[in-house]
Amino acid sequence: MALVTRSLYSFLGVHSFLIGMFPFYIPVYLYQIGFSLAQICSFIAVTGFGFCISLYLWDRISKRFSLRYLILLSFLSEFILLSLFFLEKDMIFILIIGFFNGVFNCNFWMVQRLLFIDTITPQNSGKKFGNFQIFVLLVLKAGILAGGVILEKSGFLSVYIFSAGIVGMAALFFWQRGIELTLDTTVISASPLNLRSVTGYKDQFNSRVIFAVDGIFLYLESYFWVISLFLIVRQSYWKLGLLVIFLMVLFGAIFVFIKNSIDRLSGNRMYTAAVFLYSLSWILRGMLSDRLNTFLPRYSDLPLINDFLI
């Protein structure tokens, strides 16, 4: 388990930093180079399609290849995604990078979950989750700050070269270490998912309905909030990075507060509290949108700002 834990943190550390360097900035980068809100929505939609297609294939590939190859595939998919930004900037470009953004996200999240599951027990899952979330927040914010400064001062090419170097070193590192890593036997032995089993899935928690409803809100807040903040800081990458870091420090404080007690709390109470706080967040967003010109009058001339503040 110690090897898997070290591998989890190494994997998360490298990918979180790389995500902060540029994938985090993709929506604002697209907006700044002239793509419309409708085109960015298309990018988000195609990302979801690419994720689903990749998940279908990943579910079958994972039974044939070792964890080492799956980790390398996650880095390869991220490198391809970055490289595609050198293509001509038109609608076909949006569709291609959207699809590969979904492919990368699928590979990253699935490997992360496999490694995480191998490090927890029912008695320590909350604490472990809190610990690695704090770690991810710290590394991700470092990547966001570095990426924002480099994008502001040097442009995408410098970010690409720096990211490509990290990807190469990380791939070499996991190629050497990954030979000792194996997939959980339950993952290997489980039969591949099919469309009927996914659409017909039911459990005692009504998970299918909950995820269907939550998916709508995740779409509304996924990329648009980043563009909102980008407009508020007058389209400055490094200022956006600083603002996001400030906001995420608050999230880190919350994780520190609850991570050691979450396993002892009632699951129903935690779920109720989460739904209440999530609902409250949407109410506050509505209030912010209505009063934007009162609080920040100097930004009132920015295009589409009220559309992005959701």
Protein backbone atom coordinates (compact mmCIF):
# COMPACT_ATOMS: atom_id res chain seq x y z
CA MET A 1 0.00 0.00 0.00
CA ALA A 2 2.89 2.36 0.70
CA LEU A 3 4.08 2.05 -2.90
CA VAL A 4 0.58 2.75 -4.21
CA THR A 5 0.23 5.77 -1.90
CA ARG A 6 3.52 7.23 -3.12
CA SER A 7 2.50 6.55 -6.70
CA LEU A 8 -0.87 8.23 -6.11
CA TYR A 9 0.71 11.39 -4.78
CA SER A 10 3.36 11.42 -7.51
CA PHE A 11 0.70 10.95 -10.19
CA LEU A 12 -1.58 13.59 -8.67
CA GLY A 13 1.27 16.02 -8.11
CA VAL A 14 2.53 15.98 -11.69
CA HIS A 15 -0.90 16.02 -13.32
CA SER A 16 -2.30 18.68 -10.98
CA PHE A 17 0.61 20.99 -11.76
CA LEU A 18 0.25 20.36 -15.50
CA ILE A 19 -3.52 20.97 -15.36
CA GLY A 20 -2.89 24.27 -13.59
CA MET A 21 -0.29 25.27 -16.18
CA PHE A 22 -2.69 25.31 -19.14
CA PRO A 23 -5.80 23.04 -19.21
CA PHE A 24 -7.25 25.16 -16.40
CA TYR A 25 -6.93 28.22 -18.66
CA ILE A 26 -8.45 26.62 -21.79
CA PRO A 27 -11.86 28.39 -21.57
CA VAL A 28 -10.33 31.84 -21.04
CA TYR A 29 -7.67 31.15 -23.68
CA LEU A 30 -10.39 30.28 -26.19
CA TYR A 31 -12.32 33.39 -25.22
CA GLN A 32 -9.29 35.63 -25.56
CA ILE A 33 -8.34 34.38 -29.03
CA GLY A 34 -11.82 35.20 -30.29
CA PHE A 35 -14.13 32.20 -29.87
CA SER A 36 -17.74 32.99 -29.03
CA LEU A 37 -19.75 31.74 -26.08
CA ALA A 38 -21.62 29.37 -28.40
CA GLN A 39 -18.35 27.88 -29.65
CA ILE A 40 -17.05 27.45 -26.11
CA CYS A 41 -20.31 25.67 -25.26
CA SER A 42 -19.63 23.36 -28.20
CA PHE A 43 -16.16 22.68 -26.80
CA ILE A 44 -17.71 21.69 -23.44
CA ALA A 45 -20.29 19.44 -25.11
CA VAL A 46 -17.68 17.66 -27.25
CA THR A 47 -15.50 17.25 -24.16
CA GLY A 48 -18.32 15.28 -22.54
CA PHE A 49 -18.75 13.18 -25.69
CA GLY A 50 -15.01 12.46 -25.82
CA PHE A 51 -15.04 11.49 -22.15
CA CYS A 52 -17.87 8.97 -22.69
CA ILE A 53 -16.27 7.41 -25.77
CA SER A 54 -12.90 7.22 -24.02
CA LEU A 55 -14.48 5.70 -20.90
CA TYR A 56 -16.07 2.95 -23.00
CA LEU A 57 -12.70 2.11 -24.54
CA TRP A 58 -10.78 2.56 -21.26
CA ASP A 59 -13.06 0.05 -19.52
CA ARG A 60 -11.89 -2.57 -22.02
CA ILE A 61 -8.27 -1.50 -22.37
CA SER A 62 -7.75 -1.59 -18.60
CA LYS A 63 -8.33 -5.35 -18.65
CA ARG A 64 -5.59 -5.92 -21.20
CA PHE A 65 -2.82 -3.54 -20.15
CA SER A 66 -0.97 -2.99 -16.89
CA LEU A 67 -1.39 0.08 -14.73
CA ARG A 68 1.98 1.34 -15.92
CA TYR A 69 0.68 1.63 -19.50
CA LEU A 70 -2.52 3.30 -18.35
CA ILE A 71 -0.48 5.92 -16.46
CA LEU A 72 1.66 6.52 -19.54
CA LEU A 73 -1.51 6.82 -21.64
CA SER A 74 -2.74 9.60 -19.34
CA PHE A 75 0.45 11.60 -19.95
CA LEU A 76 0.34 10.91 -23.69
CA SER A 77 -3.24 12.14 -23.92
CA GLU A 78 -2.32 15.35 -22.10
CA PHE A 79 0.65 15.93 -24.41
CA ILE A 80 -1.57 15.44 -27.48
CA LEU A 81 -4.14 17.87 -26.07
CA LEU A 82 -1.48 20.56 -25.59
CA SER A 83 0.00 19.95 -29.04
CA LEU A 84 -3.38 20.36 -30.74
CA PHE A 85 -3.44 24.04 -29.78
CA PHE A 86 -1.00 24.71 -32.62
CA LEU A 87 -3.74 23.87 -35.13
CA GLU A 88 -5.56 26.50 -37.12
CA LYS A 89 -8.15 28.22 -34.93
CA ASP A 90 -11.55 27.39 -36.47
CA MET A 91 -14.64 25.37 -35.55
CA ILE A 92 -12.98 22.08 -36.50
CA PHE A 93 -10.24 23.00 -34.05
CA ILE A 94 -12.86 23.41 -31.30
CA LEU A 95 -14.30 19.96 -32.00
CA ILE A 96 -10.90 18.27 -32.04
CA ILE A 97 -9.53 19.81 -28.85
CA GLY A 98 -12.89 19.28 -27.14
CA PHE A 99 -12.78 15.57 -27.95
CA PHE A 100 -9.18 15.14 -26.78
CA ASN A 101 -9.89 17.17 -23.66
CA GLY A 102 -12.48 14.51 -22.84
CA VAL A 103 -9.99 11.73 -23.61
CA PHE A 104 -7.39 13.27 -21.32
CA ASN A 105 -9.87 13.84 -18.49
CA CYS A 106 -11.10 10.26 -18.70
CA ASN A 107 -7.59 8.82 -18.53
CA PHE A 108 -6.58 11.08 -15.66
CA TRP A 109 -9.65 10.58 -13.49
CA MET A 110 -9.87 6.82 -13.96
CA VAL A 111 -6.22 6.19 -13.07
CA GLN A 112 -6.51 8.54 -10.11
CA ARG A 113 -9.52 6.65 -8.77
CA LEU A 114 -7.86 3.27 -9.22
CA LEU A 115 -4.85 4.40 -7.23
CA PHE A 116 -7.01 6.08 -4.57
CA ILE A 117 -9.23 3.04 -4.03
CA ASP A 118 -6.16 0.91 -3.34
CA THR A 119 -5.07 3.25 -0.51
CA ILE A 120 -8.26 3.46 1.57
CA THR A 121 -10.43 1.45 3.94
CA PRO A 122 -14.01 2.20 5.11
CA GLN A 123 -12.52 3.58 8.33
CA ASN A 124 -10.12 6.13 6.81
CA SER A 125 -11.63 7.11 3.44
CA GLY A 126 -12.69 10.60 4.57
CA LYS A 127 -9.32 11.41 6.10
CA LYS A 128 -7.44 10.05 3.10
CA PHE A 129 -9.67 11.96 0.69
CA GLY A 130 -9.17 15.17 2.65
CA ASN A 131 -5.40 14.72 2.72
CA PHE A 132 -5.04 14.20 -1.01
CA GLN A 133 -7.50 17.01 -1.80
CA ILE A 134 -5.36 19.42 0.23
CA PHE A 135 -2.29 18.16 -1.62
CA VAL A 136 -4.01 18.59 -4.98
CA LEU A 137 -5.13 22.12 -4.09
CA LEU A 138 -1.61 23.18 -3.20
CA VAL A 139 0.04 21.74 -6.30
CA LEU A 140 -2.77 22.83 -8.63
CA LYS A 141 -2.56 26.40 -7.38
CA ALA A 142 1.19 26.41 -7.89
CA GLY A 143 0.60 25.29 -11.47
CA ILE A 144 -2.11 27.93 -11.98
CA LEU A 145 0.19 30.68 -10.72
CA ALA A 146 3.10 29.50 -12.87
CA GLY A 147 0.92 29.04 -15.94
CA GLY A 148 -0.72 32.44 -15.51
CA VAL A 149 2.59 34.25 -15.25
CA ILE A 150 4.12 32.42 -18.23
CA LEU A 151 1.02 32.92 -20.40
CA GLU A 152 0.95 36.62 -19.51
CA LYS A 153 4.65 37.24 -20.10
CA SER A 154 5.70 34.72 -22.77
CA GLY A 155 2.63 33.16 -24.35
CA PHE A 156 1.44 29.65 -25.10
CA LEU A 157 4.66 28.39 -26.72
CA SER A 158 6.62 28.80 -23.46
CA VAL A 159 3.89 27.02 -21.51
CA TYR A 160 3.92 24.20 -24.06
CA ILE A 161 7.69 23.69 -23.91
CA PHE A 162 7.71 23.72 -20.12
CA SER A 163 4.74 21.32 -19.91
CA ALA A 164 6.20 18.98 -22.53
CA GLY A 165 9.42 18.72 -20.51
CA ILE A 166 7.47 17.79 -17.37
CA VAL A 167 5.40 15.22 -19.28
CA GLY A 168 8.56 13.60 -20.64
CA MET A 169 10.24 13.35 -17.23
CA ALA A 170 7.06 12.07 -15.57
CA ALA A 171 6.55 9.41 -18.25
CA LEU A 172 10.11 8.19 -17.76
CA PHE A 173 9.66 8.14 -13.98
CA PHE A 174 6.47 6.07 -14.10
CA TRP A 175 7.84 3.78 -16.78
CA GLN A 176 10.58 2.77 -14.36
CA ARG A 177 8.44 2.67 -11.20
CA GLY A 178 5.20 1.39 -12.70
CA ILE A 179 6.57 -2.10 -13.29
CA GLU A 180 5.71 -2.85 -9.64
CA LEU A 181 2.16 -1.49 -9.81
CA THR A 182 -0.82 -3.73 -10.51
CA LEU A 183 -4.52 -3.12 -10.98
CA ASP A 184 -7.04 -4.07 -8.32
CA THR A 185 -8.28 -7.61 -9.02
CA THR A 186 -11.92 -6.49 -8.85
CA VAL A 187 -11.29 -4.11 -11.74
CA ILE A 188 -9.68 -6.78 -13.87
CA SER A 189 -12.33 -9.42 -13.16
CA ALA A 190 -15.36 -7.15 -13.64
CA SER A 191 -17.13 -7.51 -16.96
CA PRO A 192 -17.08 -4.46 -19.27
CA LEU A 193 -19.97 -2.03 -18.98
CA ASN A 194 -22.55 -1.79 -21.73
CA LEU A 195 -25.10 0.90 -22.56
CA ARG A 196 -28.01 -1.04 -21.08
CA SER A 197 -26.29 -1.53 -17.72
CA VAL A 198 -25.45 2.18 -17.56
CA THR A 199 -28.89 3.56 -18.51
CA GLY A 200 -30.69 0.96 -16.40
CA TYR A 201 -28.51 1.35 -13.31
CA LYS A 202 -30.44 1.58 -10.01
CA ASP A 203 -29.46 1.61 -6.36
CA GLN A 204 -31.03 2.47 -3.00
CA PHE A 205 -29.61 6.01 -3.11
CA ASN A 206 -31.26 7.03 -6.42
CA SER A 207 -27.81 7.80 -7.78
CA ARG A 208 -28.93 7.91 -11.40
CA VAL A 209 -31.41 10.73 -10.80
CA ILE A 210 -28.99 12.63 -8.56
CA PHE A 211 -26.17 12.52 -11.09
CA ALA A 212 -28.52 13.46 -13.94
CA VAL A 213 -29.67 16.59 -12.11
CA ASP A 214 -26.20 17.42 -10.84
CA GLY A 215 -24.82 17.10 -14.36
CA ILE A 216 -26.86 20.10 -15.51
CA PHE A 217 -25.42 22.29 -12.77
CA LEU A 218 -21.90 21.01 -13.36
CA TYR A 219 -22.26 22.06 -17.00
CA LEU A 220 -23.45 25.53 -16.01
CA GLU A 221 -20.56 26.11 -13.63
CA SER A 222 -17.78 24.04 -15.21
CA TYR A 223 -15.97 26.50 -17.44
CA PHE A 224 -18.05 29.66 -17.31
CA TRP A 225 -17.04 30.68 -13.79
CA VAL A 226 -13.39 30.83 -14.90
CA ILE A 227 -14.32 33.18 -17.74
CA SER A 228 -16.32 35.29 -15.28
CA LEU A 229 -13.29 35.75 -13.06
CA PHE A 230 -11.12 36.40 -16.12
CA LEU A 231 -13.36 39.28 -17.16
CA ILE A 232 -13.44 40.70 -13.64
CA VAL A 233 -9.62 40.89 -13.52
CA ARG A 234 -9.60 42.59 -16.95
CA GLN A 235 -8.38 39.56 -18.88
CA SER A 236 -5.10 39.15 -17.03
CA TYR A 237 -3.86 35.58 -16.72
CA TRP A 238 -1.64 36.11 -13.71
CA LYS A 239 -4.28 38.12 -11.83
CA LEU A 240 -6.78 35.35 -12.55
CA GLY A 241 -4.28 32.89 -11.09
CA LEU A 242 -3.89 34.95 -7.93
CA LEU A 243 -7.65 35.32 -7.50
CA VAL A 244 -8.27 31.59 -7.92
CA ILE A 245 -5.50 30.78 -5.45
CA PHE A 246 -7.10 33.10 -2.89
CA LEU A 247 -10.46 31.38 -3.36
CA MET A 248 -8.96 27.91 -3.15
CA VAL A 249 -7.19 28.71 0.12
CA LEU A 250 -10.67 28.93 1.61
CA PHE A 251 -11.49 25.48 0.25
CA GLY A 252 -8.27 24.11 1.70
CA ALA A 253 -9.22 25.48 5.11
CA ILE A 254 -12.55 23.67 4.87
CA PHE A 255 -10.85 20.37 4.03
CA VAL A 256 -8.49 20.75 6.98
CA PHE A 257 -11.45 21.39 9.26
CA ILE A 258 -13.62 18.43 8.23
CA LYS A 259 -11.25 15.75 6.92
CA ASN A 260 -10.57 14.15 10.30
CA SER A 261 -14.21 14.05 11.39
CA ILE A 262 -16.09 13.21 8.21
CA ASP A 263 -15.83 9.44 8.72
CA ARG A 264 -17.61 9.74 12.08
CA LEU A 265 -20.48 11.89 10.84
CA SER A 266 -23.85 10.65 9.66
CA GLY A 267 -23.93 10.12 5.91
CA ASN A 268 -27.48 11.48 5.61
CA ARG A 269 -26.59 14.63 7.54
CA MET A 270 -23.51 15.21 5.43
CA TYR A 271 -25.53 14.79 2.25
CA THR A 272 -28.26 17.15 3.48
CA ALA A 273 -25.68 19.75 4.45
CA ALA A 274 -23.97 19.44 1.07
CA VAL A 275 -27.25 19.93 -0.82
CA PHE A 276 -28.12 22.95 1.34
CA LEU A 277 -24.73 24.60 0.81
CA TYR A 278 -24.82 23.88 -2.93
CA SER A 279 -28.28 25.44 -3.20
CA LEU A 280 -27.08 28.44 -1.20
CA SER A 281 -24.17 28.90 -3.61
CA TRP A 282 -26.57 29.23 -6.55
CA ILE A 283 -28.68 31.76 -4.65
CA LEU A 284 -25.56 33.82 -3.97
CA ARG A 285 -24.57 33.64 -7.64
CA GLY A 286 -27.94 35.07 -8.59
CA MET A 287 -27.49 37.93 -6.14
CA LEU A 288 -24.00 38.64 -7.50
CA SER A 289 -25.28 38.83 -11.06
CA ASP A 290 -28.05 41.26 -10.13
CA ARG A 291 -25.74 43.62 -8.25
CA LEU A 292 -22.64 43.39 -10.41
CA ASN A 293 -22.82 46.99 -11.67
CA THR A 294 -23.23 48.28 -8.09
CA PHE A 295 -20.21 46.45 -6.73
CA LEU A 296 -17.94 46.70 -9.77
CA PRO A 297 -19.09 49.61 -11.96
CA ARG A 298 -15.76 49.95 -13.74
CA TYR A 299 -16.24 46.50 -15.30
CA SER A 300 -19.74 47.15 -16.55
CA ASP A 301 -18.47 47.77 -20.06
CA LEU A 302 -17.00 44.29 -20.40
CA PRO A 303 -18.80 42.20 -23.07
CA LEU A 304 -21.17 39.44 -21.97
CA ILE A 305 -20.09 39.65 -18.33
CA ASN A 306 -23.60 39.17 -16.98
CA ASP A 307 -24.00 36.06 -19.17
CA PHE A 308 -20.87 34.53 -17.69
CA LEU A 309 -21.64 35.30 -14.04
CA ILE A 310 -23.86 32.32 -13.30
